[in-house]
């Protein structure tokens, strides 16, 4: 069951409110009017009065609920109170004008006749005061409280004895009712009612005094509250004005923050673009460095190749020049030899009477008839022999000239190839070197601008 389910209107609200201030007034948890302790105690007593309509609220229940509140939260305290009242017989003490409670007091009185005569001579208020003041002081320490509980648990009370005392109480009550005259009973009841009336009047006077005091204090509190309200209104106006100013300042700061965020976004974008450009430039730099390395390696290889080709071509040209010089010398020697042989042949022809007739001094055949002394067959044979020899000499001369021409052509071709190779090497050196230098200069210039 939930405590909140029984917190609606109760007919005993006034009695509960009156007894709340009297319950453990010196205890720190219950001494503050309107404090947490009194508020929880009021809720539990009110909820039980609604839950148990037959008993409602009776004086003394607040002390039991207060003890439970000192050891557990209000929800658990309410549940434990209901459990004690219904399952452990405590509810019976509040029935029939507390008849069962008087029976329990009679049993207690009979049990304590041998040990506590001073307590037995006290009235109800005195006995209650004894258990409320001296006993808690005496057993305040944990050790003494433990001894008290052990002593209480060790005491063995016979149920037969309790039943016997109960019968004695009921017999005594019947005898009192039989012996007592109606007038005396009425007078006793009247005295009891007068005492209750006087107690209630005293409580009424106390409540009236408290009411007047509370009204005066409430008036003072109201005046103070009005003054505080005026001061709070002024502070509220000032606060509203400050709030308006702060809102304007907030909007201004938000606008500035928005602009700063936009600038930050733009700067971030520029930073990202710059970083990307830097990365691209670094990649381009690495690529150009790789290209430059490759170009250097290519130029080195080309130079090595060109130098080897130049050396090779130089050796070939030298060999060809040597061959050409040898061929020229050989040609000159051959020509000189041919001239000598021709001179020898011409001298032989001139020395020969038959041949001198056939050839002129320049070595050409004369268109003359052969002398009659030689036969035509001999003349023909000599002609043929001379012509064969002449043709061989002309053929050899033509071959020599052809070889000379071919050697000169090869020399010219080699010179041409050498010039082309030199030009290509120079052009390659200039173009690749210039391109490499320009690329490196471009990259270093761009990096310098970005860093600045």
Protein backbone atom coordinates (compact mmCIF):
# COMPACT_ATOMS: atom_id res chain seq x y z
CA UNK A 1 0.00 0.00 0.00
CA UNK A 2 1.16 3.51 -0.76
CA UNK A 3 1.16 6.37 1.75
CA UNK A 4 -0.01 8.85 -0.89
CA UNK A 5 -3.26 6.89 -1.39
CA UNK A 6 -4.57 7.89 2.09
CA UNK A 7 -3.54 11.54 2.33
CA UNK A 8 -6.99 12.99 1.64
CA UNK A 9 -9.24 14.78 4.18
CA UNK A 10 -9.38 13.32 7.71
CA UNK A 11 -11.88 14.19 10.52
CA UNK A 12 -9.04 14.12 13.11
CA UNK A 13 -6.85 16.77 11.38
CA UNK A 14 -7.12 19.21 14.29
CA UNK A 15 -6.18 16.60 16.91
CA UNK A 16 -3.28 15.38 14.78
CA UNK A 17 -1.99 18.90 14.24
CA UNK A 18 -2.25 19.61 17.99
CA UNK A 19 -0.32 16.47 18.98
CA UNK A 20 2.44 16.87 16.38
CA UNK A 21 4.12 19.72 18.31
CA UNK A 22 3.97 17.66 21.54
CA UNK A 23 5.72 14.60 20.11
CA UNK A 24 9.40 14.52 21.03
CA UNK A 25 9.67 18.36 21.06
CA UNK A 26 13.31 18.23 22.19
CA UNK A 27 14.45 15.91 19.42
CA UNK A 28 16.34 17.59 16.57
CA UNK A 29 14.27 15.84 13.90
CA UNK A 30 10.87 16.88 15.33
CA UNK A 31 11.53 20.20 17.12
CA UNK A 32 11.18 22.50 14.04
CA UNK A 33 7.60 23.56 13.31
CA UNK A 34 6.86 22.70 9.70
CA UNK A 35 10.13 20.81 9.41
CA UNK A 36 10.71 17.55 7.60
CA UNK A 37 10.20 15.45 10.75
CA UNK A 38 6.85 17.00 11.72
CA UNK A 39 5.68 16.92 8.10
CA UNK A 40 6.41 13.17 7.77
CA UNK A 41 4.82 12.49 11.17
CA UNK A 42 1.67 14.40 10.17
CA UNK A 43 1.40 12.43 6.91
CA UNK A 44 1.68 9.05 8.66
CA UNK A 45 -0.86 9.88 11.41
CA UNK A 46 -3.33 11.35 8.90
CA UNK A 47 -2.94 8.43 6.47
CA UNK A 48 -3.57 5.88 9.27
CA UNK A 49 -6.65 7.75 10.49
CA UNK A 50 -8.06 7.49 6.96
CA UNK A 51 -6.94 3.88 6.52
CA UNK A 52 -8.41 2.62 9.86
CA UNK A 53 -11.76 4.42 10.14
CA UNK A 54 -12.84 2.38 13.19
CA UNK A 55 -9.92 3.52 15.36
CA UNK A 56 -8.95 6.69 13.49
CA UNK A 57 -6.37 8.76 15.35
CA UNK A 58 -5.86 8.38 19.10
CA UNK A 59 -3.51 10.23 21.39
CA UNK A 60 -0.25 8.31 21.67
CA UNK A 61 -0.12 7.03 18.09
CA UNK A 62 2.17 9.90 17.12
CA UNK A 63 4.93 8.63 19.46
CA UNK A 64 4.84 5.18 17.87
CA UNK A 65 4.99 6.68 14.36
CA UNK A 66 7.81 9.05 15.45
CA UNK A 67 9.94 6.14 16.69
CA UNK A 68 9.44 4.36 13.37
CA UNK A 69 10.41 7.53 11.45
CA UNK A 70 13.72 7.69 13.31
CA UNK A 71 14.71 4.32 11.78
CA UNK A 72 13.15 4.25 8.28
CA UNK A 73 11.59 6.42 5.52
CA UNK A 74 7.97 7.54 5.81
CA UNK A 75 6.63 4.97 3.29
CA UNK A 76 8.16 2.06 5.21
CA UNK A 77 7.17 3.60 8.57
CA UNK A 78 3.51 3.73 7.48
CA UNK A 79 3.57 0.10 6.32
CA UNK A 80 5.24 -1.06 9.56
CA UNK A 81 2.69 0.92 11.63
CA UNK A 82 -0.21 -0.80 9.84
CA UNK A 83 1.49 -4.17 10.31
CA UNK A 84 1.98 -3.60 14.07
CA UNK A 85 -1.56 -2.35 14.58
CA UNK A 86 -3.32 -5.20 12.76
CA UNK A 87 -0.98 -8.22 13.01
CA UNK A 88 0.51 -7.73 16.49
CA UNK A 89 -2.66 -6.75 18.40
CA UNK A 90 -1.73 -3.14 19.11
CA UNK A 91 -4.97 -1.98 17.47
CA UNK A 92 -7.01 -3.70 20.25
CA UNK A 93 -5.59 -1.32 22.85
CA UNK A 94 -7.48 1.62 21.32
CA UNK A 95 -10.92 -0.05 21.24
CA UNK A 96 -13.82 0.21 23.77
CA UNK A 97 -12.57 3.31 25.52
CA UNK A 98 -9.08 1.78 25.98
CA UNK A 99 -10.47 -1.12 28.01
CA UNK A 100 -7.79 -3.53 26.77
CA UNK A 101 -5.10 -0.93 27.53
CA UNK A 102 -6.30 -0.73 31.19
CA UNK A 103 -6.18 -4.52 31.32
CA UNK A 104 -2.58 -4.48 30.10
CA UNK A 105 -1.71 -1.87 32.76
CA UNK A 106 -3.27 -4.09 35.43
CA UNK A 107 -1.21 -7.06 34.22
CA UNK A 108 1.94 -4.92 34.20
CA UNK A 109 1.14 -3.67 37.72
CA UNK A 110 0.78 -7.20 39.03
CA UNK A 111 4.04 -8.28 37.32
CA UNK A 112 5.99 -5.32 38.75
CA UNK A 113 4.64 -5.38 42.30
CA UNK A 114 7.85 -6.90 43.70
CA UNK A 115 10.41 -4.64 41.97
CA UNK A 116 9.15 -1.12 41.31
CA UNK A 117 6.92 0.12 44.13
CA UNK A 118 7.63 3.78 43.28
CA UNK A 119 6.50 3.25 39.70
CA UNK A 120 3.31 1.50 40.85
CA UNK A 121 2.40 4.44 43.07
CA UNK A 122 2.63 6.89 40.14
CA UNK A 123 -0.33 7.75 37.93
CA UNK A 124 -0.51 7.34 34.18
CA UNK A 125 1.30 10.59 33.43
CA UNK A 126 4.01 9.72 35.95
CA UNK A 127 4.52 6.25 34.49
CA UNK A 128 4.63 7.71 31.01
CA UNK A 129 7.19 10.27 32.13
CA UNK A 130 9.26 7.51 33.72
CA UNK A 131 9.50 5.61 30.44
CA UNK A 132 9.99 8.80 28.43
CA UNK A 133 12.74 10.53 30.44
CA UNK A 134 14.75 8.40 32.94
CA UNK A 135 14.74 5.17 30.97
CA UNK A 136 16.13 6.70 27.70
CA UNK A 137 18.81 8.58 29.63
CA UNK A 138 19.85 5.48 31.53
CA UNK A 139 20.02 3.28 28.44
CA UNK A 140 21.28 5.84 25.93
CA UNK A 141 24.59 4.09 25.30
CA UNK A 142 24.64 1.18 22.91
CA UNK A 143 26.00 -1.21 25.55
CA UNK A 144 23.26 -0.41 28.12
CA UNK A 145 20.58 -0.55 25.43
CA UNK A 146 21.83 -3.96 24.36
CA UNK A 147 21.74 -5.18 27.97
CA UNK A 148 18.19 -3.87 28.35
CA UNK A 149 17.03 -5.69 25.23
CA UNK A 150 18.77 -8.89 26.31
CA UNK A 151 17.14 -8.61 29.75
CA UNK A 152 13.73 -8.00 28.23
CA UNK A 153 14.10 -10.95 25.86
CA UNK A 154 15.36 -13.21 28.65
CA UNK A 155 12.33 -12.57 30.84
CA UNK A 156 9.84 -15.40 30.63
CA UNK A 157 6.25 -14.47 31.38
CA UNK A 158 3.74 -17.27 31.63
CA UNK A 159 0.66 -16.96 29.48
CA UNK A 160 -1.35 -18.68 32.20
CA UNK A 161 -0.32 -15.96 34.62
CA UNK A 162 -1.36 -13.26 32.16
CA UNK A 163 -4.72 -14.99 31.63
CA UNK A 164 -5.12 -15.18 35.38
CA UNK A 165 -4.39 -11.47 35.77
CA UNK A 166 -6.80 -10.71 32.97
CA UNK A 167 -9.58 -12.66 34.71
CA UNK A 168 -8.75 -10.86 37.96
CA UNK A 169 -9.04 -7.51 36.17
CA UNK A 170 -12.41 -8.34 34.63
CA UNK A 171 -13.68 -9.70 38.00
CA UNK A 172 -12.50 -6.55 39.75
CA UNK A 173 -14.20 -4.38 37.15
CA UNK A 174 -17.46 -6.29 37.56
CA UNK A 175 -17.29 -5.99 41.36
CA UNK A 176 -16.58 -2.27 41.10
CA UNK A 177 -19.52 -1.81 38.80
CA UNK A 178 -21.77 -3.87 41.13
CA UNK A 179 -20.61 -2.16 44.33
CA UNK A 180 -20.55 1.29 42.94
CA UNK A 181 -23.82 3.17 43.19
CA UNK A 182 -25.15 4.85 40.06
CA UNK A 183 -24.78 8.25 41.67
CA UNK A 184 -21.15 7.63 42.54
CA UNK A 185 -20.49 6.28 39.10
CA UNK A 186 -22.09 9.32 37.56
CA UNK A 187 -20.15 11.59 39.90
CA UNK A 188 -16.91 9.80 39.00
CA UNK A 189 -17.75 10.04 35.33
CA UNK A 190 -18.67 13.70 35.87
CA UNK A 191 -15.33 14.35 37.57
CA UNK A 192 -13.55 12.61 34.72
CA UNK A 193 -15.44 14.70 32.21
CA UNK A 194 -14.76 17.88 34.20
CA UNK A 195 -11.08 17.05 34.28
CA UNK A 196 -11.16 16.39 30.55
CA UNK A 197 -13.08 19.63 30.08
CA UNK A 198 -10.57 21.58 32.15
CA UNK A 199 -7.75 19.95 30.21
CA UNK A 200 -9.43 20.85 26.96
CA UNK A 201 -10.07 24.43 28.16
CA UNK A 202 -6.45 24.72 29.12
CA UNK A 203 -5.48 23.37 25.73
CA UNK A 204 -7.97 25.81 24.19
CA UNK A 205 -6.37 28.71 26.10
CA UNK A 206 -2.96 27.53 25.02
CA UNK A 207 -4.14 27.26 21.44
CA UNK A 208 -5.73 30.73 21.64
CA UNK A 209 -2.52 32.16 23.01
CA UNK A 210 -0.60 30.38 20.28
CA UNK A 211 -3.14 31.67 17.76
CA UNK A 212 -2.73 35.28 18.92
CA UNK A 213 1.02 34.92 18.99
CA UNK A 214 0.95 33.33 15.58
CA UNK A 215 -1.30 36.13 14.25
CA UNK A 216 1.11 38.74 15.60
CA UNK A 217 4.06 36.90 14.17
CA UNK A 218 2.17 36.40 10.93
CA UNK A 219 1.40 40.15 10.81
CA UNK A 220 5.06 40.91 11.31
CA UNK A 221 5.97 38.28 8.79
CA UNK A 222 3.39 39.74 6.41
CA UNK A 223 4.81 43.24 6.83
CA UNK A 224 8.30 41.90 6.34
CA UNK A 225 7.06 39.91 3.37
CA UNK A 226 5.45 43.02 1.86
CA UNK A 227 8.70 44.94 2.35
CA UNK A 228 10.61 42.06 0.86
CA UNK A 229 8.05 41.91 -1.97
CA UNK A 230 8.58 45.61 -2.71
CA UNK A 231 12.32 45.11 -2.62
CA UNK A 232 11.97 42.01 -4.75
CA UNK A 233 9.77 43.92 -7.23
CA UNK A 234 12.43 46.60 -7.51
CA UNK A 235 15.08 43.93 -7.89
CA UNK A 236 12.81 42.20 -10.40
CA UNK A 237 12.54 45.36 -12.49
CA UNK A 238 16.29 45.84 -12.30
CA UNK A 239 16.77 42.17 -13.14
CA UNK A 240 14.35 42.44 -16.08
CA UNK A 241 16.27 45.44 -17.38
CA UNK A 242 19.52 43.55 -16.90
CA UNK A 243 17.92 40.57 -18.60
CA UNK A 244 16.90 42.72 -21.56
CA UNK A 245 20.41 44.17 -21.71
CA UNK A 246 21.90 40.71 -21.35
CA UNK A 247 19.63 39.41 -24.14
CA UNK A 248 20.76 42.26 -26.37
CA UNK A 249 24.35 41.53 -25.41
CA UNK A 250 23.67 37.83 -25.98
CA UNK A 251 22.26 38.53 -29.46
CA UNK A 252 25.24 40.74 -30.21
CA UNK A 253 27.62 38.07 -28.97
CA UNK A 254 25.70 35.44 -30.95
CA UNK A 255 26.01 37.59 -34.08
CA UNK A 256 29.71 38.03 -33.39
CA UNK A 257 30.02 34.33 -32.70
CA UNK A 258 28.19 33.57 -35.96
CA UNK A 259 30.50 35.90 -37.86
CA UNK A 260 33.48 34.40 -36.09
CA UNK A 261 32.25 30.92 -36.98
CA UNK A 262 31.78 31.97 -40.60
CA UNK A 263 35.26 33.46 -40.63
CA UNK A 264 36.58 30.35 -38.94
CA UNK A 265 34.81 28.18 -41.54
CA UNK A 266 36.26 30.32 -44.33
CA UNK A 267 39.70 30.16 -42.76
CA UNK A 268 39.32 26.42 -42.30
CA UNK A 269 38.34 26.07 -45.95
CA UNK A 270 41.30 28.23 -46.99
CA UNK A 271 43.51 26.22 -44.68
CA UNK A 272 42.25 22.99 -46.19
CA UNK A 273 42.76 24.38 -49.70
CA UNK A 274 46.25 25.59 -48.71
CA UNK A 275 47.05 22.24 -47.18
CA UNK A 276 45.79 20.50 -50.30
CA UNK A 277 47.86 22.85 -52.45
CA UNK A 278 50.85 22.23 -50.21
CA UNK A 279 50.30 18.49 -50.52
CA UNK A 280 49.90 18.84 -54.28
CA UNK A 281 53.01 21.05 -54.45
CA UNK A 282 54.93 18.53 -52.36
CA UNK A 283 53.71 15.76 -54.64
CA UNK A 284 54.64 17.89 -57.65
CA UNK A 285 57.99 18.63 -56.03
CA UNK A 286 58.60 14.95 -55.44
CA UNK A 287 57.45 14.20 -58.96
CA UNK A 288 59.73 16.90 -60.37
CA UNK A 289 62.57 15.68 -58.18
CA UNK A 290 61.94 12.18 -59.49
CA UNK A 291 61.80 13.57 -63.03
CA UNK A 292 64.95 15.60 -62.38
CA UNK A 293 66.65 12.49 -61.05
CA UNK A 294 65.41 10.55 -64.05
CA UNK A 295 66.51 13.38 -66.36
CA UNK A 296 69.89 13.54 -64.70
CA UNK A 297 70.21 9.80 -65.06
CA UNK A 298 69.00 10.05 -68.66
CA UNK A 299 71.38 12.91 -69.40
CA UNK A 300 74.18 11.00 -67.77
CA UNK A 301 73.33 7.94 -69.82
CA UNK A 302 72.93 10.06 -72.96
CA UNK A 303 76.21 11.81 -72.25
CA UNK A 304 77.91 8.52 -71.62
CA UNK A 305 76.28 7.15 -74.73
CA UNK A 306 77.17 10.27 -76.72
CA UNK A 307 80.72 10.23 -75.42
CA UNK A 308 80.98 6.54 -76.26
CA UNK A 309 79.47 7.23 -79.68
CA UNK A 310 81.78 10.21 -80.13
CA UNK A 311 84.70 8.05 -79.15
CA UNK A 312 83.45 5.31 -81.41
CA UNK A 313 82.76 7.72 -84.25
CA UNK A 314 86.15 9.36 -83.63
CA UNK A 315 87.85 5.99 -83.78
CA UNK A 316 85.80 5.12 -86.89
CA UNK A 317 86.62 8.50 -88.45
CA UNK A 318 90.27 8.02 -87.56
CA UNK A 319 90.19 4.56 -89.07
CA UNK A 320 88.43 5.89 -92.16
CA UNK A 321 90.87 8.77 -92.42
CA UNK A 322 93.70 6.30 -92.04
CA UNK A 323 92.06 4.09 -94.67
CA UNK A 324 91.51 7.10 -96.94
CA UNK A 325 95.08 8.23 -96.49
CA UNK A 326 96.22 4.69 -97.16
CA UNK A 327 93.95 4.53 -100.20
CA UNK A 328 95.19 7.93 -101.37
CA UNK A 329 98.77 6.84 -100.93
CA UNK A 330 97.98 3.57 -102.63
CA UNK A 331 96.16 5.43 -105.42
CA UNK A 332 99.06 7.80 -105.85
CA UNK A 333 101.46 4.88 -105.85
CA UNK A 334 99.20 3.05 -108.29
CA UNK A 335 98.99 6.12 -110.48
CA UNK A 336 102.75 6.57 -110.35
CA UNK A 337 103.15 2.89 -111.07
CA UNK A 338 100.65 3.17 -113.93
CA UNK A 339 102.49 6.23 -115.25
CA UNK A 340 105.77 4.38 -115.02
CA UNK A 341 104.32 1.35 -116.74
CA UNK A 342 102.73 3.59 -119.37
CA UNK A 343 106.07 5.33 -119.80
CA UNK A 344 107.79 1.97 -120.08
CA UNK A 345 105.15 0.83 -122.58
CA UNK A 346 105.51 4.07 -124.51
CA UNK A 347 109.27 3.72 -124.52
CA UNK A 348 108.93 0.12 -125.58
CA UNK A 349 106.44 1.17 -128.25
CA UNK A 350 108.77 3.92 -129.37
CA UNK A 351 111.69 1.52 -129.33
CA UNK A 352 109.76 -0.98 -131.34
CA UNK A 353 109.63 -0.13 -134.99
CA UNK A 354 106.44 -1.98 -135.53
CA UNK A 355 104.65 -0.47 -132.54
CA UNK A 356 105.85 3.07 -133.13
CA UNK A 357 104.06 2.96 -136.42
CA UNK A 358 100.77 2.06 -134.69
CA UNK A 359 100.91 4.57 -131.77
CA UNK A 360 101.48 8.27 -131.63
CA UNK A 361 103.64 10.02 -129.09
CA UNK A 362 100.57 10.63 -126.82
CA UNK A 363 99.95 6.85 -126.78
CA UNK A 364 96.97 6.81 -129.11
CA UNK A 365 96.52 4.34 -132.01
CA UNK A 366 97.11 5.64 -135.42
CA UNK A 367 94.60 4.89 -138.12
CA UNK A 368 97.30 3.66 -140.49
CA UNK A 369 97.61 0.51 -142.24
CA UNK A 370 100.08 -1.94 -140.94
CA UNK A 371 103.31 -2.34 -142.77
CA UNK A 372 103.43 -4.92 -145.31
CA UNK A 373 106.29 -6.69 -143.65
CA UNK A 374 104.01 -7.90 -140.73
CA UNK A 375 101.25 -10.22 -141.34
CA UNK A 376 97.78 -9.23 -140.46
CA UNK A 377 97.36 -12.04 -137.94
CA UNK A 378 100.37 -10.93 -135.91
CA UNK A 379 99.24 -7.37 -135.97
CA UNK A 380 95.80 -8.40 -134.80
CA UNK A 381 97.22 -10.48 -132.02
CA UNK A 382 99.39 -7.64 -130.80
CA UNK A 383 96.48 -5.25 -130.97
CA UNK A 384 94.31 -7.55 -129.02
CA UNK A 385 97.02 -8.09 -126.42
CA UNK A 386 97.60 -4.41 -126.06
CA UNK A 387 93.90 -3.71 -125.91
CA UNK A 388 93.40 -6.38 -123.22
CA UNK A 389 96.27 -4.98 -121.24
CA UNK A 390 94.91 -1.46 -121.69
CA UNK A 391 91.43 -2.51 -120.65
CA UNK A 392 92.79 -4.20 -117.53
CA UNK A 393 94.74 -1.08 -116.65
CA UNK A 394 91.66 1.08 -117.23
CA UNK A 395 89.52 -1.32 -115.20
CA UNK A 396 91.99 -1.29 -112.35
CA UNK A 397 92.13 2.51 -112.53
CA UNK A 398 88.34 2.75 -112.52
CA UNK A 399 88.10 0.42 -109.51
CA UNK A 400 90.69 2.46 -107.68
CA UNK A 401 88.79 5.66 -108.44
CA UNK A 402 85.52 4.01 -107.34
CA UNK A 403 87.06 2.91 -104.06
CA UNK A 404 88.39 6.41 -103.54
CA UNK A 405 84.95 7.90 -104.20
CA UNK A 406 83.27 5.43 -101.85
CA UNK A 407 85.80 6.20 -99.11
CA UNK A 408 85.18 9.93 -99.51
CA UNK A 409 81.41 9.36 -99.38
CA UNK A 410 81.75 7.31 -96.22
CA UNK A 411 83.94 9.98 -94.69
CA UNK A 412 81.35 12.63 -95.54
CA UNK A 413 78.58 10.47 -94.07
CA UNK A 414 80.55 9.93 -90.89
CA UNK A 415 81.29 13.64 -90.62
CA UNK A 416 77.59 14.36 -91.12
CA UNK A 417 76.53 11.79 -88.50
CA UNK A 418 79.12 13.11 -86.08
CA UNK A 419 77.87 16.68 -86.52
CA UNK A 420 74.26 15.54 -86.03
CA UNK A 421 75.18 13.56 -82.91
CA UNK A 422 77.05 16.52 -81.47
CA UNK A 423 74.12 18.83 -82.21
CA UNK A 424 71.66 16.40 -80.67
CA UNK A 425 73.78 16.01 -77.56
CA UNK A 426 74.13 19.76 -77.18
CA UNK A 427 70.41 20.30 -77.81
CA UNK A 428 69.49 17.54 -75.35
CA UNK A 429 71.80 19.01 -72.75
CA UNK A 430 70.34 22.46 -73.21
CA UNK A 431 66.64 21.45 -73.35
CA UNK A 432 66.58 18.91 -70.52
CA UNK A 433 68.87 20.97 -68.34
CA UNK A 434 66.89 24.17 -68.96
CA UNK A 435 63.58 22.41 -68.36
CA UNK A 436 64.88 20.85 -65.16
CA UNK A 437 66.21 24.16 -63.90
CA UNK A 438 62.99 25.99 -64.77
CA UNK A 439 60.86 23.32 -63.07
CA UNK A 440 62.99 23.40 -59.93
CA UNK A 441 62.91 27.20 -59.90
CA UNK A 442 59.12 27.19 -60.32
CA UNK A 443 58.59 24.72 -57.50
CA UNK A 444 60.95 26.49 -55.11
CA UNK A 445 59.37 29.86 -55.94
CA UNK A 446 55.83 28.54 -55.28
CA UNK A 447 56.89 26.97 -51.99
CA UNK A 448 58.53 30.22 -50.92
CA UNK A 449 55.34 32.18 -51.66
CA UNK A 450 53.20 29.68 -49.75
CA UNK A 451 55.49 29.73 -46.72
CA UNK A 452 55.51 33.57 -46.64
